């Protein structure tokens, strides 16, 4: 549709701020639950988990100060709180990743960023209400890792003295590249106006397959049979403009959507061709509909929604697209382990 083409052209104005402060790797994991779970790292008495992470090359993250993990979205009954002795070493990966842990470090780059000490892991027995879970298991390094953004960083987690050995501590995990990826989990901003159909509630999210990004708009509780638009911008003004709730979008773009039905419900999936320039854009949107029952001006506003566009497309294919090599053993600490093209999502912070 013509409106969708106009929106695609306008997205170029909504740029990501420079100087990233954190990064989820692989980017497929942003806003998307993994297809499985892993209990390798924090389950048994002694384990070793290594990943090289090519997503950190050119990321702009110069000092890596912590890494954070998230729980699986379900099947968490055994993921009880525990203590584990943890050591984390980092360095740069050799070009050919093998099943021998120490051989995967480029010579003279291995350094201990978190010295061996007891770590208390949170209770993860409660599944998140809306997967994926928040990243909430943070290990803050004793010494930041200096990332040169040219070579591929590698981390090596050695665990011992697990206080609950054999009780599976399930982390989120990807074993295959997802068909779809999503932007960051939408965050509601404020509350919508009350109409004859209830509270005007808006959902707004993005997803991408191998070729297109889709923007999904959905209203409920708008006025019946009312013309509606989506206001889309990059900031949240949060100002009173004389309506029943505050304005939560800066109006970079106003997209006519159509007319709600008799119950005040509306939904639209609008695909546009993917390009790398669409990756990771911060979007803040709000619904706006005609409503003659409102006191004063005859309009109703929904809640606002903050999200991003996806950081990569989905589409399946070779798991190497994760840019991650993985090596692990759940029965000791090496010197060798099992190679895999799987990955645990990590939130890196500076």
C-alpha atoms as a PDB file:
ATOM      1  CA  UNK A   1       0.000   0.000   0.000  1.00  0.00           C
ATOM      2  CA  UNK A   2       1.049   3.599  -0.536  1.00  0.00           C
ATOM      3  CA  UNK A   3       1.165   4.346   3.215  1.00  0.00           C
ATOM      4  CA  UNK A   4       3.567   1.468   3.789  1.00  0.00           C
ATOM      5  CA  UNK A   5       5.915   2.776   1.112  1.00  0.00           C
ATOM      6  CA  UNK A   6       5.861   6.212   2.740  1.00  0.00           C
ATOM      7  CA  UNK A   7       6.633   4.663   6.118  1.00  0.00           C
ATOM      8  CA  UNK A   8       9.583   2.722   4.680  1.00  0.00           C
ATOM      9  CA  UNK A   9      10.987   5.934   3.223  1.00  0.00           C
ATOM     10  CA  UNK A  10      10.584   7.750   6.545  1.00  0.00           C
ATOM     11  CA  UNK A  11      12.364   5.084   8.642  1.00  0.00           C
ATOM     12  CA  UNK A  12      15.687   6.468   7.425  1.00  0.00           C
ATOM     13  CA  UNK A  13      15.109   9.481   9.672  1.00  0.00           C
ATOM     14  CA  UNK A  14      14.911   7.321  12.799  1.00  0.00           C
ATOM     15  CA  UNK A  15      18.553   6.430  13.398  1.00  0.00           C
ATOM     16  CA  UNK A  16      20.146   4.479  16.202  1.00  0.00           C
ATOM     17  CA  UNK A  17      22.116   6.579  18.655  1.00  0.00           C
ATOM     18  CA  UNK A  18      25.890   6.292  18.414  1.00  0.00           C
ATOM     19  CA  UNK A  19      28.068   4.691  21.073  1.00  0.00           C
ATOM     20  CA  UNK A  20      26.319   1.459  21.988  1.00  0.00           C
ATOM     21  CA  UNK A  21      26.330   0.648  25.706  1.00  0.00           C
ATOM     22  CA  UNK A  22      25.129  -2.951  25.496  1.00  0.00           C
ATOM     23  CA  UNK A  23      24.602  -5.649  22.933  1.00  0.00           C
ATOM     24  CA  UNK A  24      22.667  -8.925  22.767  1.00  0.00           C
ATOM     25  CA  UNK A  25      24.494 -11.662  20.899  1.00  0.00           C
ATOM     26  CA  UNK A  26      23.571 -13.303  18.680  1.00  0.00           C
ATOM     27  CA  UNK A  27      21.282 -10.513  17.372  1.00  0.00           C
ATOM     28  CA  UNK A  28      18.719 -13.195  16.440  1.00  0.00           C
ATOM     29  CA  UNK A  29      17.980 -13.437  20.186  1.00  0.00           C
ATOM     30  CA  UNK A  30      16.779  -9.845  20.590  1.00  0.00           C
ATOM     31  CA  UNK A  31      13.100 -10.095  21.462  1.00  0.00           C
ATOM     32  CA  UNK A  32      12.909 -13.774  20.514  1.00  0.00           C
ATOM     33  CA  UNK A  33      12.891 -16.883  22.698  1.00  0.00           C
ATOM     34  CA  UNK A  34      15.358 -19.575  21.682  1.00  0.00           C
ATOM     35  CA  UNK A  35      14.025 -22.811  20.246  1.00  0.00           C
ATOM     36  CA  UNK A  36      15.371 -24.899  23.136  1.00  0.00           C
ATOM     37  CA  UNK A  37      17.191 -24.723  26.477  1.00  0.00           C
ATOM     38  CA  UNK A  38      20.615 -25.615  27.855  1.00  0.00           C
ATOM     39  CA  UNK A  39      21.570 -26.819  31.309  1.00  0.00           C
ATOM     40  CA  UNK A  40      25.249 -27.320  30.513  1.00  0.00           C
ATOM     41  CA  UNK A  41      26.938 -24.435  32.307  1.00  0.00           C
ATOM     42  CA  UNK A  42      25.316 -24.290  35.758  1.00  0.00           C
ATOM     43  CA  UNK A  43      23.921 -27.787  36.319  1.00  0.00           C
ATOM     44  CA  UNK A  44      26.625 -30.343  37.100  1.00  0.00           C
ATOM     45  CA  UNK A  45      29.398 -30.439  39.689  1.00  0.00           C
ATOM     46  CA  UNK A  46      32.073 -29.238  37.256  1.00  0.00           C
ATOM     47  CA  UNK A  47      31.597 -27.819  33.740  1.00  0.00           C
ATOM     48  CA  UNK A  48      33.366 -25.748  31.115  1.00  0.00           C
ATOM     49  CA  UNK A  49      31.678 -23.630  28.436  1.00  0.00           C
ATOM     50  CA  UNK A  50      33.462 -21.684  25.691  1.00  0.00           C
ATOM     51  CA  UNK A  51      32.081 -19.450  22.934  1.00  0.00           C
ATOM     52  CA  UNK A  52      33.825 -17.279  20.374  1.00  0.00           C
ATOM     53  CA  UNK A  53      31.608 -14.354  19.431  1.00  0.00           C
ATOM     54  CA  UNK A  54      32.035 -12.712  16.050  1.00  0.00           C
ATOM     55  CA  UNK A  55      29.115 -10.383  16.782  1.00  0.00           C
ATOM     56  CA  UNK A  56      31.470  -8.334  18.949  1.00  0.00           C
ATOM     57  CA  UNK A  57      33.681  -7.509  15.953  1.00  0.00           C
ATOM     58  CA  UNK A  58      32.879  -3.951  14.889  1.00  0.00           C
ATOM     59  CA  UNK A  59      30.198  -3.680  17.576  1.00  0.00           C
ATOM     60  CA  UNK A  60      31.586  -0.473  19.085  1.00  0.00           C
ATOM     61  CA  UNK A  61      31.790  -2.088  22.538  1.00  0.00           C
ATOM     62  CA  UNK A  62      35.321  -1.293  23.673  1.00  0.00           C
ATOM     63  CA  UNK A  63      35.341  -2.317  27.332  1.00  0.00           C
ATOM     64  CA  UNK A  64      33.303  -5.411  28.176  1.00  0.00           C
ATOM     65  CA  UNK A  65      32.488  -5.137  31.859  1.00  0.00           C
ATOM     66  CA  UNK A  66      29.887  -7.867  32.341  1.00  0.00           C
ATOM     67  CA  UNK A  67      27.930 -10.663  30.725  1.00  0.00           C
ATOM     68  CA  UNK A  68      24.309 -11.502  31.496  1.00  0.00           C
ATOM     69  CA  UNK A  69      22.234 -14.593  30.761  1.00  0.00           C
ATOM     70  CA  UNK A  70      18.490 -15.274  30.728  1.00  0.00           C
ATOM     71  CA  UNK A  71      16.357 -18.225  31.763  1.00  0.00           C
ATOM     72  CA  UNK A  72      14.487 -20.500  29.421  1.00  0.00           C
ATOM     73  CA  UNK A  73      10.844 -19.688  28.714  1.00  0.00           C
ATOM     74  CA  UNK A  74       9.439 -22.927  30.181  1.00  0.00           C
ATOM     75  CA  UNK A  75      10.259 -26.238  31.920  1.00  0.00           C
ATOM     76  CA  UNK A  76      12.070 -24.601  34.846  1.00  0.00           C
ATOM     77  CA  UNK A  77      10.977 -26.649  37.874  1.00  0.00           C
ATOM     78  CA  UNK A  78      14.559 -27.723  38.684  1.00  0.00           C
ATOM     79  CA  UNK A  79      16.151 -24.298  38.120  1.00  0.00           C
ATOM     80  CA  UNK A  80      16.379 -23.522  41.826  1.00  0.00           C
ATOM     81  CA  UNK A  81      18.768 -21.006  43.365  1.00  0.00           C
ATOM     82  CA  UNK A  82      22.300 -22.284  43.983  1.00  0.00           C
ATOM     83  CA  UNK A  83      25.909 -21.315  44.451  1.00  0.00           C
ATOM     84  CA  UNK A  84      28.654 -22.178  41.978  1.00  0.00           C
ATOM     85  CA  UNK A  85      32.371 -21.408  41.946  1.00  0.00           C
ATOM     86  CA  UNK A  86      33.010 -19.557  38.692  1.00  0.00           C
ATOM     87  CA  UNK A  87      36.068 -18.384  36.768  1.00  0.00           C
ATOM     88  CA  UNK A  88      35.853 -16.571  33.417  1.00  0.00           C
ATOM     89  CA  UNK A  89      38.770 -16.154  31.033  1.00  0.00           C
ATOM     90  CA  UNK A  90      38.628 -14.094  27.841  1.00  0.00           C
ATOM     91  CA  UNK A  91      40.897 -13.523  24.872  1.00  0.00           C
ATOM     92  CA  UNK A  92      40.778 -13.697  21.084  1.00  0.00           C
ATOM     93  CA  UNK A  93      39.896 -16.737  19.023  1.00  0.00           C
ATOM     94  CA  UNK A  94      42.184 -18.509  16.589  1.00  0.00           C
ATOM     95  CA  UNK A  95      40.901 -18.843  13.031  1.00  0.00           C
ATOM     96  CA  UNK A  96      40.294 -22.595  13.288  1.00  0.00           C
ATOM     97  CA  UNK A  97      38.169 -23.470  16.307  1.00  0.00           C
ATOM     98  CA  UNK A  98      38.806 -27.021  17.603  1.00  0.00           C
ATOM     99  CA  UNK A  99      37.617 -29.302  20.407  1.00  0.00           C
ATOM    100  CA  UNK A 100      40.652 -28.434  22.598  1.00  0.00           C
ATOM    101  CA  UNK A 101      39.779 -25.541  24.892  1.00  0.00           C
ATOM    102  CA  UNK A 102      43.156 -23.893  25.413  1.00  0.00           C
ATOM    103  CA  UNK A 103      44.131 -24.185  21.753  1.00  0.00           C
ATOM    104  CA  UNK A 104      41.254 -21.894  20.780  1.00  0.00           C
ATOM    105  CA  UNK A 105      42.898 -18.849  22.350  1.00  0.00           C
ATOM    106  CA  UNK A 106      45.139 -16.745  20.141  1.00  0.00           C
ATOM    107  CA  UNK A 107      48.622 -16.844  21.663  1.00  0.00           C
ATOM    108  CA  UNK A 108      49.219 -14.458  24.576  1.00  0.00           C
ATOM    109  CA  UNK A 109      45.645 -13.095  24.645  1.00  0.00           C
ATOM    110  CA  UNK A 110      44.068 -15.223  27.381  1.00  0.00           C
ATOM    111  CA  UNK A 111      43.301 -13.196  30.506  1.00  0.00           C
ATOM    112  CA  UNK A 112      41.181 -13.816  33.594  1.00  0.00           C
ATOM    113  CA  UNK A 113      38.376 -11.256  33.754  1.00  0.00           C
ATOM    114  CA  UNK A 114      36.554 -12.920  36.672  1.00  0.00           C
ATOM    115  CA  UNK A 115      38.734 -14.703  39.182  1.00  0.00           C
ATOM    116  CA  UNK A 116      37.554 -17.955  40.764  1.00  0.00           C
ATOM    117  CA  UNK A 117      34.938 -17.201  43.401  1.00  0.00           C
ATOM    118  CA  UNK A 118      31.521 -18.324  44.583  1.00  0.00           C
ATOM    119  CA  UNK A 119      28.569 -16.877  42.673  1.00  0.00           C
ATOM    120  CA  UNK A 120      24.953 -16.981  43.847  1.00  0.00           C
ATOM    121  CA  UNK A 121      22.577 -17.812  41.018  1.00  0.00           C
ATOM    122  CA  UNK A 122      18.945 -16.609  41.233  1.00  0.00           C
ATOM    123  CA  UNK A 123      15.906 -18.844  41.452  1.00  0.00           C
ATOM    124  CA  UNK A 124      14.681 -19.471  37.915  1.00  0.00           C
ATOM    125  CA  UNK A 125      11.795 -21.846  38.662  1.00  0.00           C
ATOM    126  CA  UNK A 126       9.168 -19.324  37.529  1.00  0.00           C
ATOM    127  CA  UNK A 127       8.821 -19.018  33.762  1.00  0.00           C
ATOM    128  CA  UNK A 128       8.538 -15.499  32.315  1.00  0.00           C
ATOM    129  CA  UNK A 129       4.942 -14.411  31.603  1.00  0.00           C
ATOM    130  CA  UNK A 130       5.928 -13.447  28.056  1.00  0.00           C
ATOM    131  CA  UNK A 131       9.071 -15.116  26.687  1.00  0.00           C
ATOM    132  CA  UNK A 132      11.813 -14.295  26.194  1.00  0.00           C
ATOM    133  CA  UNK A 133      12.774 -13.649  29.802  1.00  0.00           C
ATOM    134  CA  UNK A 134      14.692 -10.603  30.895  1.00  0.00           C
ATOM    135  CA  UNK A 135      18.469 -10.926  31.110  1.00  0.00           C
ATOM    136  CA  UNK A 136      18.890 -11.159  34.879  1.00  0.00           C
ATOM    137  CA  UNK A 137      21.899 -13.369  35.687  1.00  0.00           C
ATOM    138  CA  UNK A 138      24.744 -10.880  35.565  1.00  0.00           C
ATOM    139  CA  UNK A 139      28.401 -11.627  36.221  1.00  0.00           C
ATOM    140  CA  UNK A 140      30.315  -8.379  36.573  1.00  0.00           C
ATOM    141  CA  UNK A 141      33.978  -8.761  35.670  1.00  0.00           C
ATOM    142  CA  UNK A 142      36.797  -7.958  38.089  1.00  0.00           C
ATOM    143  CA  UNK A 143      38.745  -6.565  35.148  1.00  0.00           C
ATOM    144  CA  UNK A 144      37.088  -5.284  31.936  1.00  0.00           C
ATOM    145  CA  UNK A 145      38.003  -7.006  28.702  1.00  0.00           C
ATOM    146  CA  UNK A 146      39.406  -4.599  26.105  1.00  0.00           C
ATOM    147  CA  UNK A 147      37.712  -5.421  22.790  1.00  0.00           C
ATOM    148  CA  UNK A 148      39.673  -4.204  19.761  1.00  0.00           C
ATOM    149  CA  UNK A 149      36.599  -4.633  17.490  1.00  0.00           C
ATOM    150  CA  UNK A 150      38.822  -6.329  14.891  1.00  0.00           C
ATOM    151  CA  UNK A 151      39.541  -9.788  16.278  1.00  0.00           C
ATOM    152  CA  UNK A 152      36.890 -12.256  17.512  1.00  0.00           C
ATOM    153  CA  UNK A 153      36.588 -12.358  21.328  1.00  0.00           C
ATOM    154  CA  UNK A 154      36.276 -15.671  23.103  1.00  0.00           C
ATOM    155  CA  UNK A 155      35.038 -16.458  26.616  1.00  0.00           C
ATOM    156  CA  UNK A 156      35.740 -19.550  28.720  1.00  0.00           C
ATOM    157  CA  UNK A 157      33.536 -20.226  31.788  1.00  0.00           C
ATOM    158  CA  UNK A 158      34.826 -22.779  34.298  1.00  0.00           C
ATOM    159  CA  UNK A 159      32.379 -23.893  37.007  1.00  0.00           C
ATOM    160  CA  UNK A 160      32.882 -26.121  40.037  1.00  0.00           C
ATOM    161  CA  UNK A 161      31.380 -26.919  43.453  1.00  0.00           C
ATOM    162  CA  UNK A 162      27.780 -26.579  42.320  1.00  0.00           C
ATOM    163  CA  UNK A 163      25.574 -26.652  45.436  1.00  0.00           C
ATOM    164  CA  UNK A 164      22.733 -28.339  43.481  1.00  0.00           C
ATOM    165  CA  UNK A 165      24.514 -30.750  41.129  1.00  0.00           C
ATOM    166  CA  UNK A 166      22.237 -32.548  38.714  1.00  0.00           C
ATOM    167  CA  UNK A 167      19.343 -30.105  39.212  1.00  0.00           C
ATOM    168  CA  UNK A 168      19.056 -28.688  35.695  1.00  0.00           C
ATOM    169  CA  UNK A 169      19.490 -24.919  35.544  1.00  0.00           C
ATOM    170  CA  UNK A 170      17.875 -24.064  32.218  1.00  0.00           C
ATOM    171  CA  UNK A 171      19.250 -21.157  30.213  1.00  0.00           C
ATOM    172  CA  UNK A 172      17.689 -19.965  26.963  1.00  0.00           C
ATOM    173  CA  UNK A 173      19.363 -21.585  23.954  1.00  0.00           C
ATOM    174  CA  UNK A 174      19.347 -21.534  20.159  1.00  0.00           C
ATOM    175  CA  UNK A 175      20.178 -24.705  18.245  1.00  0.00           C
ATOM    176  CA  UNK A 176      18.895 -23.438  14.883  1.00  0.00           C
ATOM    177  CA  UNK A 177      18.597 -20.080  13.191  1.00  0.00           C
ATOM    178  CA  UNK A 178      14.997 -18.864  13.639  1.00  0.00           C
ATOM    179  CA  UNK A 179      12.723 -18.389  10.649  1.00  0.00           C
ATOM    180  CA  UNK A 180      11.610 -15.026  12.069  1.00  0.00           C
ATOM    181  CA  UNK A 181      13.433 -12.501  14.227  1.00  0.00           C
ATOM    182  CA  UNK A 182      11.835  -9.707  16.235  1.00  0.00           C
ATOM    183  CA  UNK A 183      12.628  -6.278  17.559  1.00  0.00           C
ATOM    184  CA  UNK A 184      13.080  -5.674  21.272  1.00  0.00           C
ATOM    185  CA  UNK A 185      10.123  -6.717  23.382  1.00  0.00           C
ATOM    186  CA  UNK A 186       7.524  -3.917  23.154  1.00  0.00           C
ATOM    187  CA  UNK A 187       7.222  -1.741  26.260  1.00  0.00           C
ATOM    188  CA  UNK A 188       3.894  -0.055  27.024  1.00  0.00           C
ATOM    189  CA  UNK A 189       4.112   3.670  27.799  1.00  0.00           C
ATOM    190  CA  UNK A 190       1.241   4.996  29.888  1.00  0.00           C
ATOM    191  CA  UNK A 191      -2.428   4.021  29.585  1.00  0.00           C
ATOM    192  CA  UNK A 192      -4.843   4.726  26.779  1.00  0.00           C
ATOM    193  CA  UNK A 193      -8.080   6.693  26.949  1.00  0.00           C
ATOM    194  CA  UNK A 194     -11.305   5.055  28.080  1.00  0.00           C
ATOM    195  CA  UNK A 195     -13.876   4.698  25.305  1.00  0.00           C
ATOM    196  CA  UNK A 196     -17.318   3.119  25.048  1.00  0.00           C
ATOM    197  CA  UNK A 197     -15.468  -0.158  24.325  1.00  0.00           C
ATOM    198  CA  UNK A 198     -13.105  -0.019  27.318  1.00  0.00           C
ATOM    199  CA  UNK A 199      -9.493   1.102  27.619  1.00  0.00           C
ATOM    200  CA  UNK A 200      -7.938   1.942  24.255  1.00  0.00           C
ATOM    201  CA  UNK A 201      -4.982  -0.482  24.105  1.00  0.00           C
ATOM    202  CA  UNK A 202      -2.374  -0.601  21.351  1.00  0.00           C
ATOM    203  CA  UNK A 203       0.234  -3.199  20.473  1.00  0.00           C
ATOM    204  CA  UNK A 204       3.019  -2.453  18.002  1.00  0.00           C
ATOM    205  CA  UNK A 205       5.865  -4.786  17.117  1.00  0.00           C
ATOM    206  CA  UNK A 206       8.226  -5.686  14.302  1.00  0.00           C
ATOM    207  CA  UNK A 207       9.531  -8.946  12.885  1.00  0.00           C
ATOM    208  CA  UNK A 208      11.653  -9.968   9.910  1.00  0.00           C
ATOM    209  CA  UNK A 209      11.943 -13.063   7.764  1.00  0.00           C
ATOM    210  CA  UNK A 210      14.591 -13.685   5.112  1.00  0.00           C
ATOM    211  CA  UNK A 211      13.427 -10.831   2.864  1.00  0.00           C
ATOM    212  CA  UNK A 212      10.897  -8.555   4.582  1.00  0.00           C
ATOM    213  CA  UNK A 213      10.306  -6.676   7.790  1.00  0.00           C
ATOM    214  CA  UNK A 214       6.706  -6.628   8.966  1.00  0.00           C
ATOM    215  CA  UNK A 215       5.228  -3.980  11.231  1.00  0.00           C
ATOM    216  CA  UNK A 216       2.263  -5.285  13.192  1.00  0.00           C
ATOM    217  CA  UNK A 217      -0.367  -2.864  14.475  1.00  0.00           C
ATOM    218  CA  UNK A 218      -3.306  -3.920  16.664  1.00  0.00           C
ATOM    219  CA  UNK A 219      -5.960  -1.933  18.567  1.00  0.00           C
ATOM    220  CA  UNK A 220      -8.622  -2.975  20.999  1.00  0.00           C
ATOM    221  CA  UNK A 221     -10.963  -0.741  22.951  1.00  0.00           C
ATOM    222  CA  UNK A 222     -10.965   2.063  20.367  1.00  0.00           C
ATOM    223  CA  UNK A 223     -14.226   3.753  19.432  1.00  0.00           C
ATOM    224  CA  UNK A 224     -16.468   1.689  17.145  1.00  0.00           C
ATOM    225  CA  UNK A 225     -16.132   2.150  13.382  1.00  0.00           C
ATOM    226  CA  UNK A 226     -13.605   4.937  13.872  1.00  0.00           C
ATOM    227  CA  UNK A 227     -10.881   6.136  11.471  1.00  0.00           C
ATOM    228  CA  UNK A 228      -7.493   5.465  13.078  1.00  0.00           C
ATOM    229  CA  UNK A 229      -3.852   6.388  12.501  1.00  0.00           C
ATOM    230  CA  UNK A 230      -0.551   5.269  13.994  1.00  0.00           C
ATOM    231  CA  UNK A 231       1.837   7.986  15.103  1.00  0.00           C
ATOM    232  CA  UNK A 232       5.450   6.814  14.851  1.00  0.00           C
ATOM    233  CA  UNK A 233       8.624   8.527  15.987  1.00  0.00           C
ATOM    234  CA  UNK A 234      11.913   8.003  17.745  1.00  0.00           C
ATOM    235  CA  UNK A 235      11.325   9.785  21.076  1.00  0.00           C
ATOM    236  CA  UNK A 236       8.667   9.960  23.791  1.00  0.00           C
ATOM    237  CA  UNK A 237       7.558  13.571  24.472  1.00  0.00           C
ATOM    238  CA  UNK A 238       5.079  12.459  27.206  1.00  0.00           C
ATOM    239  CA  UNK A 239       3.188  15.758  27.084  1.00  0.00           C
ATOM    240  CA  UNK A 240      -0.416  16.766  27.696  1.00  0.00           C
ATOM    241  CA  UNK A 241      -2.056  18.060  24.506  1.00  0.00           C
ATOM    242  CA  UNK A 242      -5.580  18.440  25.890  1.00  0.00           C
ATOM    243  CA  UNK A 243      -6.733  14.868  25.328  1.00  0.00           C
ATOM    244  CA  UNK A 244      -7.520  12.128  27.844  1.00  0.00           C
ATOM    245  CA  UNK A 245      -3.940  10.819  27.999  1.00  0.00           C
ATOM    246  CA  UNK A 246      -0.513  12.161  27.134  1.00  0.00           C
ATOM    247  CA  UNK A 247       1.115  12.220  23.703  1.00  0.00           C
ATOM    248  CA  UNK A 248       3.833   9.523  23.672  1.00  0.00           C
ATOM    249  CA  UNK A 249       5.255   9.797  20.121  1.00  0.00           C
ATOM    250  CA  UNK A 250       7.091  12.685  18.461  1.00  0.00           C
ATOM    251  CA  UNK A 251       5.065  12.389  15.234  1.00  0.00           C
ATOM    252  CA  UNK A 252       7.941  11.851  12.829  1.00  0.00           C
ATOM    253  CA  UNK A 253       5.433   9.921  10.764  1.00  0.00           C
ATOM    254  CA  UNK A 254       1.637   9.575  10.833  1.00  0.00           C
ATOM    255  CA  UNK A 255       0.336   6.450   9.102  1.00  0.00           C
ATOM    256  CA  UNK A 256      -3.389   6.175   8.225  1.00  0.00           C
ATOM    257  CA  UNK A 257      -4.387   2.627   9.122  1.00  0.00           C
ATOM    258  CA  UNK A 258      -8.082   2.321   8.343  1.00  0.00           C
ATOM    259  CA  UNK A 259     -11.278   1.990  10.363  1.00  0.00           C
ATOM    260  CA  UNK A 260     -11.859  -0.006  13.548  1.00  0.00           C
ATOM    261  CA  UNK A 261     -14.679  -2.557  13.628  1.00  0.00           C
ATOM    262  CA  UNK A 262     -17.872  -2.407  15.650  1.00  0.00           C
ATOM    263  CA  UNK A 263     -16.054  -3.473  18.835  1.00  0.00           C
ATOM    264  CA  UNK A 264     -13.211  -0.974  18.428  1.00  0.00           C
ATOM    265  CA  UNK A 265     -10.751  -3.617  17.250  1.00  0.00           C
ATOM    266  CA  UNK A 266      -8.248  -3.225  14.435  1.00  0.00           C
ATOM    267  CA  UNK A 267      -5.237  -5.196  13.138  1.00  0.00           C
ATOM    268  CA  UNK A 268      -2.773  -4.764  10.298  1.00  0.00           C
ATOM    269  CA  UNK A 269       0.422  -6.534   9.221  1.00  0.00           C
ATOM    270  CA  UNK A 270       2.390  -4.277   6.866  1.00  0.00           C
ATOM    271  CA  UNK A 271       5.516  -5.829   5.244  1.00  0.00           C
ATOM    272  CA  UNK A 272       8.292  -3.764   3.670  1.00  0.00           C
ATOM    273  CA  UNK A 273      11.503  -5.018   1.986  1.00  0.00           C
ATOM    274  CA  UNK A 274      14.374  -5.540   4.418  1.00  0.00           C
ATOM    275  CA  UNK A 275      17.589  -3.586   4.166  1.00  0.00           C
ATOM    276  CA  UNK A 276      20.505  -3.364   6.580  1.00  0.00           C
ATOM    277  CA  UNK A 277      19.618   0.273   7.249  1.00  0.00           C
ATOM    278  CA  UNK A 278      16.446  -0.896   9.000  1.00  0.00           C
ATOM    279  CA  UNK A 279      18.317  -2.822  11.692  1.00  0.00           C
ATOM    280  CA  UNK A 280      17.886  -1.766  15.298  1.00  0.00           C
ATOM    281  CA  UNK A 281      15.905   1.441  14.845  1.00  0.00           C
ATOM    282  CA  UNK A 282      14.216   2.742  18.013  1.00  0.00           C
ATOM    283  CA  UNK A 283      10.497   3.269  17.318  1.00  0.00           C
ATOM    284  CA  UNK A 284       7.904   4.819  19.619  1.00  0.00           C
ATOM    285  CA  UNK A 285       4.322   4.624  18.415  1.00  0.00           C
ATOM    286  CA  UNK A 286       0.815   5.486  19.596  1.00  0.00           C
ATOM    287  CA  UNK A 287      -2.682   4.967  18.213  1.00  0.00           C
ATOM    288  CA  UNK A 288      -4.982   7.902  17.503  1.00  0.00           C
ATOM    289  CA  UNK A 289      -8.663   7.469  16.568  1.00  0.00           C
ATOM    290  CA  UNK A 290     -11.724   9.617  16.090  1.00  0.00           C
ATOM    291  CA  UNK A 291     -14.069   9.370  19.093  1.00  0.00           C
ATOM    292  CA  UNK A 292     -17.015  11.762  19.306  1.00  0.00           C
ATOM    293  CA  UNK A 293     -17.861  10.592  22.847  1.00  0.00           C
ATOM    294  CA  UNK A 294     -14.728  12.117  24.349  1.00  0.00           C
ATOM    295  CA  UNK A 295     -15.161  15.380  26.288  1.00  0.00           C
ATOM    296  CA  UNK A 296     -13.582  18.320  24.509  1.00  0.00           C
ATOM    297  CA  UNK A 297     -11.725  17.326  21.367  1.00  0.00           C
ATOM    298  CA  UNK A 298     -13.314  14.283  19.614  1.00  0.00           C
ATOM    299  CA  UNK A 299     -10.238  12.066  19.617  1.00  0.00           C
ATOM    300  CA  UNK A 300      -8.853   9.215  21.719  1.00  0.00           C
ATOM    301  CA  UNK A 301      -5.224   8.206  22.225  1.00  0.00           C
ATOM    302  CA  UNK A 302      -3.981   4.719  23.054  1.00  0.00           C
ATOM    303  CA  UNK A 303      -1.050   3.861  25.266  1.00  0.00           C
ATOM    304  CA  UNK A 304       2.350   4.395  23.672  1.00  0.00           C
ATOM    305  CA  UNK A 305       4.647   1.523  22.702  1.00  0.00           C
ATOM    306  CA  UNK A 306       8.450   1.527  22.556  1.00  0.00           C
ATOM    307  CA  UNK A 307      10.327  -1.140  20.599  1.00  0.00           C
ATOM    308  CA  UNK A 308      13.017  -1.525  17.943  1.00  0.00           C
ATOM    309  CA  UNK A 309      13.182  -3.030  14.514  1.00  0.00           C
ATOM    310  CA  UNK A 310      14.954  -6.427  14.357  1.00  0.00           C
ATOM    311  CA  UNK A 311      18.746  -6.435  14.258  1.00  0.00           C
ATOM    312  CA  UNK A 312      18.981  -9.156  11.591  1.00  0.00           C
ATOM    313  CA  UNK A 313      16.588 -11.032   9.346  1.00  0.00           C
ATOM    314  CA  UNK A 314      15.474 -14.575  10.081  1.00  0.00           C
ATOM    315  CA  UNK A 315      15.080 -17.233   7.459  1.00  0.00           C
ATOM    316  CA  UNK A 316      16.859 -20.321   8.760  1.00  0.00           C
ATOM    317  CA  UNK A 317      19.899 -21.548   6.897  1.00  0.00           C
ATOM    318  CA  UNK A 318      23.347 -22.471   8.183  1.00  0.00           C
ATOM    319  CA  UNK A 319      23.785 -22.057  11.933  1.00  0.00           C
ATOM    320  CA  UNK A 320      27.141 -20.391  11.228  1.00  0.00           C
ATOM    321  CA  UNK A 321      25.109 -17.236  10.685  1.00  0.00           C
ATOM    322  CA  UNK A 322      25.131 -16.880  14.484  1.00  0.00           C
ATOM    323  CA  UNK A 323      28.842 -15.907  14.140  1.00  0.00           C
ATOM    324  CA  UNK A 324      29.469 -18.078  17.203  1.00  0.00           C
ATOM    325  CA  UNK A 325      31.595 -21.180  17.785  1.00  0.00           C
ATOM    326  CA  UNK A 326      30.833 -23.220  20.884  1.00  0.00           C
ATOM    327  CA  UNK A 327      32.722 -25.848  22.883  1.00  0.00           C
ATOM    328  CA  UNK A 328      31.549 -27.429  26.123  1.00  0.00           C
ATOM    329  CA  UNK A 329      31.838 -30.257  28.581  1.00  0.00           C
ATOM    330  CA  UNK A 330      29.348 -30.940  31.357  1.00  0.00           C
ATOM    331  CA  UNK A 331      31.519 -33.616  33.024  1.00  0.00           C
ATOM    332  CA  UNK A 332      34.652 -31.774  34.096  1.00  0.00           C
ATOM    333  CA  UNK A 333      36.824 -28.973  32.786  1.00  0.00           C
ATOM    334  CA  UNK A 334      38.573 -30.376  29.754  1.00  0.00           C
ATOM    335  CA  UNK A 335      41.060 -30.336  28.190  1.00  0.00           C
ATOM    336  CA  UNK A 336      38.697 -31.250  25.336  1.00  0.00           C
ATOM    337  CA  UNK A 337      34.966 -30.992  24.822  1.00  0.00           C
ATOM    338  CA  UNK A 338      32.105 -31.172  22.334  1.00  0.00           C
ATOM    339  CA  UNK A 339      31.950 -28.746  19.410  1.00  0.00           C
ATOM    340  CA  UNK A 340      28.572 -27.248  18.526  1.00  0.00           C
ATOM    341  CA  UNK A 341      26.990 -24.683  16.218  1.00  0.00           C
ATOM    342  CA  UNK A 342      24.540 -23.707  18.948  1.00  0.00           C
ATOM    343  CA  UNK A 343      24.626 -20.695  21.239  1.00  0.00           C
ATOM    344  CA  UNK A 344      23.426 -19.238  24.509  1.00  0.00           C
ATOM    345  CA  UNK A 345      22.278 -15.602  24.196  1.00  0.00           C
ATOM    346  CA  UNK A 346      24.465 -13.123  26.076  1.00  0.00           C
ATOM    347  CA  UNK A 347      23.847  -9.502  26.982  1.00  0.00           C
ATOM    348  CA  UNK A 348      27.200  -7.695  26.978  1.00  0.00           C
ATOM    349  CA  UNK A 349      27.493  -4.408  28.851  1.00  0.00           C
ATOM    350  CA  UNK A 350      30.235  -1.804  29.018  1.00  0.00           C
END
